[in-house]
Amino acid sequence: MWAPQREALLARGLTVAAPDLPGFVGSSLPEGRPSLDAVADHVVDTLSRAADGPWTVAGVSLGGYVAMALLRRHPEVVGSLVLCDTKATADADQARENRLRIAELVEQAPNDAGRVLEQAVLPGLLGATTFAERPDVVEQVRGWLVEADPTTLAWYQRAMARRPDSRALLAAFTGPAAIIWGEEDALSPWSEQELMLESLPGAMVTRVPTAGHLANVECPETVSTALVDFVVGPR
C-alpha cells in the first residue's frame, strides 16, 4: 500500500523498506496475547536486516500505532516519525468493544469474513470523494479486505483494542515529525490530530483535502510529495 511513496523516495536515492506485518503474506503471527509491541519487535528484526537505524518510520492507521509501539519498545531506532491518518489515544470503550465484536464475528464465520469487513470496516476506510470518484481505489481496498486471513484480522483487532495511550511517548520524542491527514478521515478526525500536535508541536502537517483514512492510497502523489519534502526537503 506504500508502493507509490516507495518509488518516489527511491527516485531520490534513498534506501526504503516496507516490511509486511506478521500474519500477512504467509508469515506467522507472534505467539502469546495479541499485542502491537510484538509487531514492533518483528518490524525491528526485519528492518535491521536491511539497514542500521535510526530510521525514518512512517505508518498509516494501524501502521501509525505500530510506529508508536516502536517508540515504546525500541526508541533508539526511530530517528524521525511520520504519522498518517492515525491517533495517539487509546480506544474509547465503544471503539474497543466494536473491535472485539468484529474479531469474534470473523472467527465465528471465517468464510464470511470479507462480507463482515466490507460492511463494518470499508465505509470508514475511504473518504467520500474516493467513493464517488475513485472506483478503482474502492475495489482495491475491498479486495484487500476480502483476501485477508480471518485469524490475522481477529488478532489485530484485539491488539489494537489493547493499545495504550501514546501521547506521553510522542511528547518525549525529540526527532523530526510529520503528520499527514486526509480531511475526509472520520476514523481519525482532526481533533485527534490536534492532540498529537500538542505532543509534537513542531511537526510538519500536511492536510489532504480529498482523502479519507488511507490518504497514501487515495491521493498517492500528494502523500509522496509530503514524504519526500519531509525526508530530503522540497525540490
C-alpha atoms as a PDB file:
ATOM      1  CA  MET A   1       0.000   0.000   0.000  1.00  0.00           C
ATOM      2  CA  TRP A   2       3.054   2.286   0.169  1.00  0.00           C
ATOM      3  CA  ALA A   3       4.258   1.459  -3.355  1.00  0.00           C
ATOM      4  CA  PRO A   4       3.910   4.986  -4.863  1.00  0.00           C
ATOM      5  CA  GLN A   5       5.677   6.568  -1.899  1.00  0.00           C
ATOM      6  CA  ARG A   6       8.399   3.935  -2.013  1.00  0.00           C
ATOM      7  CA  GLU A   7       9.067   4.709  -5.669  1.00  0.00           C
ATOM      8  CA  ALA A   8       9.169   8.447  -5.009  1.00  0.00           C
ATOM      9  CA  LEU A   9      11.723   8.011  -2.225  1.00  0.00           C
ATOM     10  CA  LEU A  10      13.815   5.539  -4.227  1.00  0.00           C
ATOM     11  CA  ALA A  11      13.939   8.099  -7.035  1.00  0.00           C
ATOM     12  CA  ARG A  12      15.695  10.456  -4.610  1.00  0.00           C
ATOM     13  CA  GLY A  13      18.350   7.832  -3.898  1.00  0.00           C
ATOM     14  CA  LEU A  14      17.092   6.700  -0.505  1.00  0.00           C
ATOM     15  CA  THR A  15      17.037   3.198   0.938  1.00  0.00           C
ATOM     16  CA  VAL A  16      13.411   2.214   1.541  1.00  0.00           C
ATOM     17  CA  ALA A  17      11.982  -0.837   3.290  1.00  0.00           C
ATOM     18  CA  ALA A  18       8.265  -1.620   3.529  1.00  0.00           C
ATOM     19  CA  PRO A  19       8.036  -4.705   5.741  1.00  0.00           C
ATOM     20  CA  ASP A  20       4.898  -6.815   5.755  1.00  0.00           C
ATOM     21  CA  LEU A  21       3.433  -7.107   9.220  1.00  0.00           C
ATOM     22  CA  PRO A  22       3.382 -10.561  10.830  1.00  0.00           C
ATOM     23  CA  GLY A  23       0.360 -12.612   9.839  1.00  0.00           C
ATOM     24  CA  PHE A  24       0.306 -11.215   6.299  1.00  0.00           C
ATOM     25  CA  VAL A  25       1.843 -12.575   3.089  1.00  0.00           C
ATOM     26  CA  GLY A  26       2.220 -16.043   4.574  1.00  0.00           C
ATOM     27  CA  SER A  27       4.139 -15.063   7.721  1.00  0.00           C
ATOM     28  CA  SER A  28       3.166 -16.264  11.186  1.00  0.00           C
ATOM     29  CA  LEU A  29       1.509 -14.237  13.891  1.00  0.00           C
ATOM     30  CA  PRO A  30       3.518 -13.625  17.075  1.00  0.00           C
ATOM     31  CA  GLU A  31       2.927 -16.083  19.879  1.00  0.00           C
ATOM     32  CA  GLY A  32       1.062 -15.070  23.002  1.00  0.00           C
ATOM     33  CA  ARG A  33      -1.590 -12.463  23.605  1.00  0.00           C
ATOM     34  CA  PRO A  34      -2.220 -10.082  20.668  1.00  0.00           C
ATOM     35  CA  SER A  35      -0.012  -7.033  21.149  1.00  0.00           C
ATOM     36  CA  LEU A  36       1.302  -4.276  18.911  1.00  0.00           C
ATOM     37  CA  ASP A  37       4.521  -4.392  20.934  1.00  0.00           C
ATOM     38  CA  ALA A  38       5.149  -7.858  19.464  1.00  0.00           C
ATOM     39  CA  VAL A  39       4.532  -6.415  16.000  1.00  0.00           C
ATOM     40  CA  ALA A  40       7.079  -3.667  16.712  1.00  0.00           C
ATOM     41  CA  ASP A  41       9.639  -6.297  17.694  1.00  0.00           C
ATOM     42  CA  HIS A  42       9.012  -8.111  14.391  1.00  0.00           C
ATOM     43  CA  VAL A  43       9.419  -4.887  12.399  1.00  0.00           C
ATOM     44  CA  VAL A  44      12.735  -4.066  14.074  1.00  0.00           C
ATOM     45  CA  ASP A  45      14.010  -7.572  13.410  1.00  0.00           C
ATOM     46  CA  THR A  46      13.011  -7.277   9.748  1.00  0.00           C
ATOM     47  CA  LEU A  47      14.365  -3.773   9.166  1.00  0.00           C
ATOM     48  CA  SER A  48      17.653  -4.421  10.927  1.00  0.00           C
ATOM     49  CA  ARG A  49      18.477  -6.913   8.188  1.00  0.00           C
ATOM     50  CA  ALA A  50      18.147  -4.168   5.567  1.00  0.00           C
ATOM     51  CA  ALA A  51      19.941  -1.253   7.216  1.00  0.00           C
ATOM     52  CA  ASP A  52      21.151   0.037  10.553  1.00  0.00           C
ATOM     53  CA  GLY A  53      18.973   2.561  12.349  1.00  0.00           C
ATOM     54  CA  PRO A  54      17.961   5.115  13.264  1.00  0.00           C
ATOM     55  CA  TRP A  55      15.285   5.247  10.573  1.00  0.00           C
ATOM     56  CA  THR A  56      12.523   7.496   9.384  1.00  0.00           C
ATOM     57  CA  VAL A  57       9.491   5.465  10.450  1.00  0.00           C
ATOM     58  CA  ALA A  58       6.191   6.061   8.652  1.00  0.00           C
ATOM     59  CA  GLY A  59       2.866   4.389   9.309  1.00  0.00           C
ATOM     60  CA  VAL A  60      -0.741   4.840   8.237  1.00  0.00           C
ATOM     61  CA  SER A  61      -3.650   3.887  10.516  1.00  0.00           C
ATOM     62  CA  LEU A  62      -2.572   0.583  12.145  1.00  0.00           C
ATOM     63  CA  GLY A  63       0.943   1.341  10.903  1.00  0.00           C
ATOM     64  CA  GLY A  64       0.877   4.528  12.946  1.00  0.00           C
ATOM     65  CA  TYR A  65       0.040   2.508  16.046  1.00  0.00           C
ATOM     66  CA  VAL A  66       2.983   0.224  15.239  1.00  0.00           C
ATOM     67  CA  ALA A  67       5.243   3.270  14.807  1.00  0.00           C
ATOM     68  CA  MET A  68       4.275   4.416  18.291  1.00  0.00           C
ATOM     69  CA  ALA A  69       4.864   0.919  19.621  1.00  0.00           C
ATOM     70  CA  LEU A  70       8.367   1.187  18.139  1.00  0.00           C
ATOM     71  CA  LEU A  71       8.880   4.351  20.176  1.00  0.00           C
ATOM     72  CA  ARG A  72       7.805   2.450  23.269  1.00  0.00           C
ATOM     73  CA  ARG A  73       9.851  -0.707  22.627  1.00  0.00           C
ATOM     74  CA  HIS A  74      12.825   0.461  20.548  1.00  0.00           C
ATOM     75  CA  PRO A  75      13.114   4.271  20.748  1.00  0.00           C
ATOM     76  CA  GLU A  76      16.732   4.169  19.611  1.00  0.00           C
ATOM     77  CA  VAL A  77      15.771   3.080  16.069  1.00  0.00           C
ATOM     78  CA  VAL A  78      13.318   5.940  15.417  1.00  0.00           C
ATOM     79  CA  GLY A  79      15.207   8.918  14.051  1.00  0.00           C
ATOM     80  CA  SER A  80      12.172  10.694  12.613  1.00  0.00           C
ATOM     81  CA  LEU A  81       8.497   9.906  12.555  1.00  0.00           C
ATOM     82  CA  VAL A  82       5.636  10.180  10.061  1.00  0.00           C
ATOM     83  CA  LEU A  83       2.114   9.520  11.340  1.00  0.00           C
ATOM     84  CA  CYS A  84      -0.553   9.276   8.655  1.00  0.00           C
ATOM     85  CA  ASP A  85      -4.290   9.072   9.434  1.00  0.00           C
ATOM     86  CA  THR A  86      -3.799   7.629  12.889  1.00  0.00           C
ATOM     87  CA  LYS A  87      -4.175   8.702  16.506  1.00  0.00           C
ATOM     88  CA  ALA A  88      -2.209   8.531  19.737  1.00  0.00           C
ATOM     89  CA  THR A  89      -5.103   7.992  22.127  1.00  0.00           C
ATOM     90  CA  ALA A  90      -6.252   4.570  23.275  1.00  0.00           C
ATOM     91  CA  ASP A  91      -9.650   3.334  22.126  1.00  0.00           C
ATOM     92  CA  ALA A  92     -12.676   4.581  23.992  1.00  0.00           C
ATOM     93  CA  ASP A  93     -14.930   1.872  25.389  1.00  0.00           C
ATOM     94  CA  GLN A  94     -17.295   1.819  22.406  1.00  0.00           C
ATOM     95  CA  ALA A  95     -14.479   1.602  19.853  1.00  0.00           C
ATOM     96  CA  ARG A  96     -12.759  -1.124  21.866  1.00  0.00           C
ATOM     97  CA  GLU A  97     -15.950  -3.140  22.116  1.00  0.00           C
ATOM     98  CA  ASN A  98     -16.530  -2.765  18.381  1.00  0.00           C
ATOM     99  CA  ARG A  99     -13.056  -4.135  17.588  1.00  0.00           C
ATOM    100  CA  LEU A 100     -13.658  -7.124  19.837  1.00  0.00           C
ATOM    101  CA  ARG A 101     -17.065  -7.674  18.235  1.00  0.00           C
ATOM    102  CA  ILE A 102     -15.522  -7.720  14.754  1.00  0.00           C
ATOM    103  CA  ALA A 103     -12.823 -10.135  15.942  1.00  0.00           C
ATOM    104  CA  GLU A 104     -15.469 -12.530  17.226  1.00  0.00           C
ATOM    105  CA  LEU A 105     -17.560 -12.239  14.057  1.00  0.00           C
ATOM    106  CA  VAL A 106     -14.740 -13.112  11.675  1.00  0.00           C
ATOM    107  CA  GLU A 107     -13.637 -16.003  13.880  1.00  0.00           C
ATOM    108  CA  GLN A 108     -17.148 -17.410  14.140  1.00  0.00           C
ATOM    109  CA  ALA A 109     -17.761 -17.161  10.376  1.00  0.00           C
ATOM    110  CA  PRO A 110     -14.349 -17.155   8.675  1.00  0.00           C
ATOM    111  CA  ASN A 111     -15.826 -17.868   5.253  1.00  0.00           C
ATOM    112  CA  ASP A 112     -17.949 -14.745   5.599  1.00  0.00           C
ATOM    113  CA  ALA A 113     -15.173 -12.503   6.930  1.00  0.00           C
ATOM    114  CA  GLY A 114     -14.916 -10.495   3.715  1.00  0.00           C
ATOM    115  CA  ARG A 115     -18.588  -9.513   3.849  1.00  0.00           C
ATOM    116  CA  VAL A 116     -18.317  -8.641   7.536  1.00  0.00           C
ATOM    117  CA  LEU A 117     -15.355  -6.333   6.877  1.00  0.00           C
ATOM    118  CA  GLU A 118     -16.955  -4.799   3.800  1.00  0.00           C
ATOM    119  CA  GLN A 119     -19.966  -3.813   5.882  1.00  0.00           C
ATOM    120  CA  ALA A 120     -18.251  -2.932   9.148  1.00  0.00           C
ATOM    121  CA  VAL A 121     -14.875  -1.540   8.080  1.00  0.00           C
ATOM    122  CA  LEU A 122     -14.796  -0.414   4.437  1.00  0.00           C
ATOM    123  CA  PRO A 123     -17.163   2.594   4.833  1.00  0.00           C
ATOM    124  CA  GLY A 124     -14.780   4.220   7.293  1.00  0.00           C
ATOM    125  CA  LEU A 125     -11.539   3.480   5.465  1.00  0.00           C
ATOM    126  CA  LEU A 126     -12.089   5.767   2.483  1.00  0.00           C
ATOM    127  CA  GLY A 127     -13.306   9.307   2.019  1.00  0.00           C
ATOM    128  CA  ALA A 128     -16.493  10.440   0.309  1.00  0.00           C
ATOM    129  CA  THR A 129     -14.531  11.700  -2.710  1.00  0.00           C
ATOM    130  CA  THR A 130     -12.900   8.321  -3.186  1.00  0.00           C
ATOM    131  CA  PHE A 131     -16.255   6.514  -3.025  1.00  0.00           C
ATOM    132  CA  ALA A 132     -17.693   8.972  -5.549  1.00  0.00           C
ATOM    133  CA  GLU A 133     -14.771   9.382  -7.961  1.00  0.00           C
ATOM    134  CA  ARG A 134     -12.180   6.604  -7.493  1.00  0.00           C
ATOM    135  CA  PRO A 135     -13.921   3.245  -8.025  1.00  0.00           C
ATOM    136  CA  ASP A 136     -10.585   1.573  -8.730  1.00  0.00           C
ATOM    137  CA  VAL A 137      -9.309   2.518  -5.264  1.00  0.00           C
ATOM    138  CA  VAL A 138     -12.540   1.302  -3.645  1.00  0.00           C
ATOM    139  CA  GLU A 139     -12.194  -2.061  -5.389  1.00  0.00           C
ATOM    140  CA  GLN A 140      -8.519  -2.305  -4.471  1.00  0.00           C
ATOM    141  CA  VAL A 141      -9.222  -1.778  -0.777  1.00  0.00           C
ATOM    142  CA  ARG A 142     -12.258  -4.068  -0.879  1.00  0.00           C
ATOM    143  CA  GLY A 143     -10.011  -6.745  -2.377  1.00  0.00           C
ATOM    144  CA  TRP A 144      -7.507  -6.373   0.448  1.00  0.00           C
ATOM    145  CA  LEU A 145     -10.269  -6.899   2.989  1.00  0.00           C
ATOM    146  CA  VAL A 146     -11.679  -9.943   1.215  1.00  0.00           C
ATOM    147  CA  GLU A 147      -8.267 -11.569   0.834  1.00  0.00           C
ATOM    148  CA  ALA A 148      -7.136 -11.046   4.433  1.00  0.00           C
ATOM    149  CA  ASP A 149      -6.867 -14.075   6.694  1.00  0.00           C
ATOM    150  CA  PRO A 150      -9.671 -14.122   9.319  1.00  0.00           C
ATOM    151  CA  THR A 151      -7.337 -15.281  12.084  1.00  0.00           C
ATOM    152  CA  THR A 152      -4.956 -12.419  11.328  1.00  0.00           C
ATOM    153  CA  LEU A 153      -7.810  -9.921  11.204  1.00  0.00           C
ATOM    154  CA  ALA A 154      -9.124 -11.011  14.601  1.00  0.00           C
ATOM    155  CA  TRP A 155      -5.622 -10.921  16.114  1.00  0.00           C
ATOM    156  CA  TYR A 156      -5.007  -7.335  15.001  1.00  0.00           C
ATOM    157  CA  GLN A 157      -8.421  -6.154  16.131  1.00  0.00           C
ATOM    158  CA  ARG A 158      -7.623  -7.437  19.610  1.00  0.00           C
ATOM    159  CA  ALA A 159      -4.103  -5.982  19.516  1.00  0.00           C
ATOM    160  CA  MET A 160      -5.417  -2.548  18.547  1.00  0.00           C
ATOM    161  CA  ALA A 161      -8.107  -2.740  21.229  1.00  0.00           C
ATOM    162  CA  ARG A 162      -5.379  -3.245  23.855  1.00  0.00           C
ATOM    163  CA  ARG A 163      -3.025  -0.490  22.752  1.00  0.00           C
ATOM    164  CA  PRO A 164      -2.200   2.164  25.372  1.00  0.00           C
ATOM    165  CA  ASP A 165      -2.346   5.929  25.071  1.00  0.00           C
ATOM    166  CA  SER A 166       0.873   7.087  23.382  1.00  0.00           C
ATOM    167  CA  ARG A 167       0.737  10.856  23.824  1.00  0.00           C
ATOM    168  CA  ALA A 168       3.433  10.889  26.500  1.00  0.00           C
ATOM    169  CA  LEU A 169       5.694   8.867  24.203  1.00  0.00           C
ATOM    170  CA  LEU A 170       5.245  11.412  21.436  1.00  0.00           C
ATOM    171  CA  ALA A 171       5.921  14.277  23.832  1.00  0.00           C
ATOM    172  CA  ALA A 172       9.227  12.651  24.823  1.00  0.00           C
ATOM    173  CA  PHE A 173      10.301  12.182  21.194  1.00  0.00           C
ATOM    174  CA  THR A 174      12.916  14.754  20.164  1.00  0.00           C
ATOM    175  CA  GLY A 175      13.354  13.925  16.476  1.00  0.00           C
ATOM    176  CA  PRO A 176      11.626  15.478  13.448  1.00  0.00           C
ATOM    177  CA  ALA A 177       7.997  14.503  12.993  1.00  0.00           C
ATOM    178  CA  ALA A 178       5.277  14.864  10.393  1.00  0.00           C
ATOM    179  CA  ILE A 179       1.521  14.386  10.496  1.00  0.00           C
ATOM    180  CA  ILE A 180      -0.340  13.609   7.275  1.00  0.00           C
ATOM    181  CA  TRP A 181      -4.124  13.660   7.429  1.00  0.00           C
ATOM    182  CA  GLY A 182      -6.937  13.107   4.962  1.00  0.00           C
ATOM    183  CA  GLU A 183      -9.537  15.794   5.571  1.00  0.00           C
ATOM    184  CA  GLU A 184     -12.346  13.270   4.951  1.00  0.00           C
ATOM    185  CA  ASP A 185     -10.987  10.860   7.579  1.00  0.00           C
ATOM    186  CA  ALA A 186     -13.799  10.133  10.040  1.00  0.00           C
ATOM    187  CA  LEU A 187     -11.933   7.374  11.915  1.00  0.00           C
ATOM    188  CA  SER A 188      -9.045   9.634  12.949  1.00  0.00           C
ATOM    189  CA  PRO A 189     -10.647  13.096  12.934  1.00  0.00           C
ATOM    190  CA  TRP A 190      -8.820  16.396  13.125  1.00  0.00           C
ATOM    191  CA  SER A 191      -9.419  16.558  16.877  1.00  0.00           C
ATOM    192  CA  GLU A 192      -7.138  13.515  17.213  1.00  0.00           C
ATOM    193  CA  GLN A 193      -4.506  15.173  15.034  1.00  0.00           C
ATOM    194  CA  GLU A 194      -4.634  18.222  17.288  1.00  0.00           C
ATOM    195  CA  LEU A 195      -3.960  16.001  20.304  1.00  0.00           C
ATOM    196  CA  MET A 196      -0.873  14.587  18.562  1.00  0.00           C
ATOM    197  CA  LEU A 197       0.248  18.103  17.679  1.00  0.00           C
ATOM    198  CA  GLU A 198       0.068  19.048  21.342  1.00  0.00           C
ATOM    199  CA  SER A 199       2.690  16.336  21.931  1.00  0.00           C
ATOM    200  CA  LEU A 200       4.596  17.113  18.697  1.00  0.00           C
ATOM    201  CA  PRO A 201       4.271  20.904  18.444  1.00  0.00           C
ATOM    202  CA  GLY A 202       6.982  21.248  15.799  1.00  0.00           C
ATOM    203  CA  ALA A 203       5.616  18.584  13.464  1.00  0.00           C
ATOM    204  CA  MET A 204       5.192  19.263   9.756  1.00  0.00           C
ATOM    205  CA  VAL A 205       1.493  18.997   8.900  1.00  0.00           C
ATOM    206  CA  THR A 206       0.043  18.013   5.533  1.00  0.00           C
ATOM    207  CA  ARG A 207      -3.719  18.045   5.056  1.00  0.00           C
ATOM    208  CA  VAL A 208      -5.010  16.079   2.064  1.00  0.00           C
ATOM    209  CA  PRO A 209      -8.350  17.627   1.039  1.00  0.00           C
ATOM    210  CA  THR A 210      -9.953  14.740  -0.889  1.00  0.00           C
ATOM    211  CA  ALA A 211      -8.727  11.736   1.106  1.00  0.00           C
ATOM    212  CA  GLY A 212     -10.121   9.712   3.965  1.00  0.00           C
ATOM    213  CA  HIS A 213      -8.428   7.262   6.320  1.00  0.00           C
ATOM    214  CA  LEU A 214      -6.000   5.880   3.711  1.00  0.00           C
ATOM    215  CA  ALA A 215      -4.621   9.109   2.301  1.00  0.00           C
ATOM    216  CA  ASN A 216      -1.494   7.451   0.895  1.00  0.00           C
ATOM    217  CA  VAL A 217      -3.697   5.124  -1.185  1.00  0.00           C
ATOM    218  CA  GLU A 218      -6.404   7.641  -2.097  1.00  0.00           C
ATOM    219  CA  CYS A 219      -4.095  10.539  -3.029  1.00  0.00           C
ATOM    220  CA  PRO A 220      -0.688   8.890  -3.526  1.00  0.00           C
ATOM    221  CA  GLU A 221       1.012  11.800  -5.290  1.00  0.00           C
ATOM    222  CA  THR A 222       0.150  14.297  -2.556  1.00  0.00           C
ATOM    223  CA  VAL A 223       1.410  11.987   0.177  1.00  0.00           C
ATOM    224  CA  SER A 224       4.524  11.066  -1.828  1.00  0.00           C
ATOM    225  CA  THR A 225       5.399  14.753  -2.185  1.00  0.00           C
ATOM    226  CA  ALA A 226       4.866  15.320   1.535  1.00  0.00           C
ATOM    227  CA  LEU A 227       7.129  12.390   2.432  1.00  0.00           C
ATOM    228  CA  VAL A 228       9.896  13.482   0.071  1.00  0.00           C
ATOM    229  CA  ASP A 229       9.699  17.073   1.341  1.00  0.00           C
ATOM    230  CA  PHE A 230       9.910  15.817   4.936  1.00  0.00           C
ATOM    231  CA  VAL A 231      12.818  13.405   4.391  1.00  0.00           C
ATOM    232  CA  VAL A 232      15.021  15.270   1.907  1.00  0.00           C
ATOM    233  CA  GLY A 233      13.438  18.706   1.534  1.00  0.00           C
ATOM    234  CA  PRO A 234      11.480  20.224  -1.385  1.00  0.00           C
ATOM    235  CA  ARG A 235      12.985  20.317  -4.842  1.00  0.00           C
END
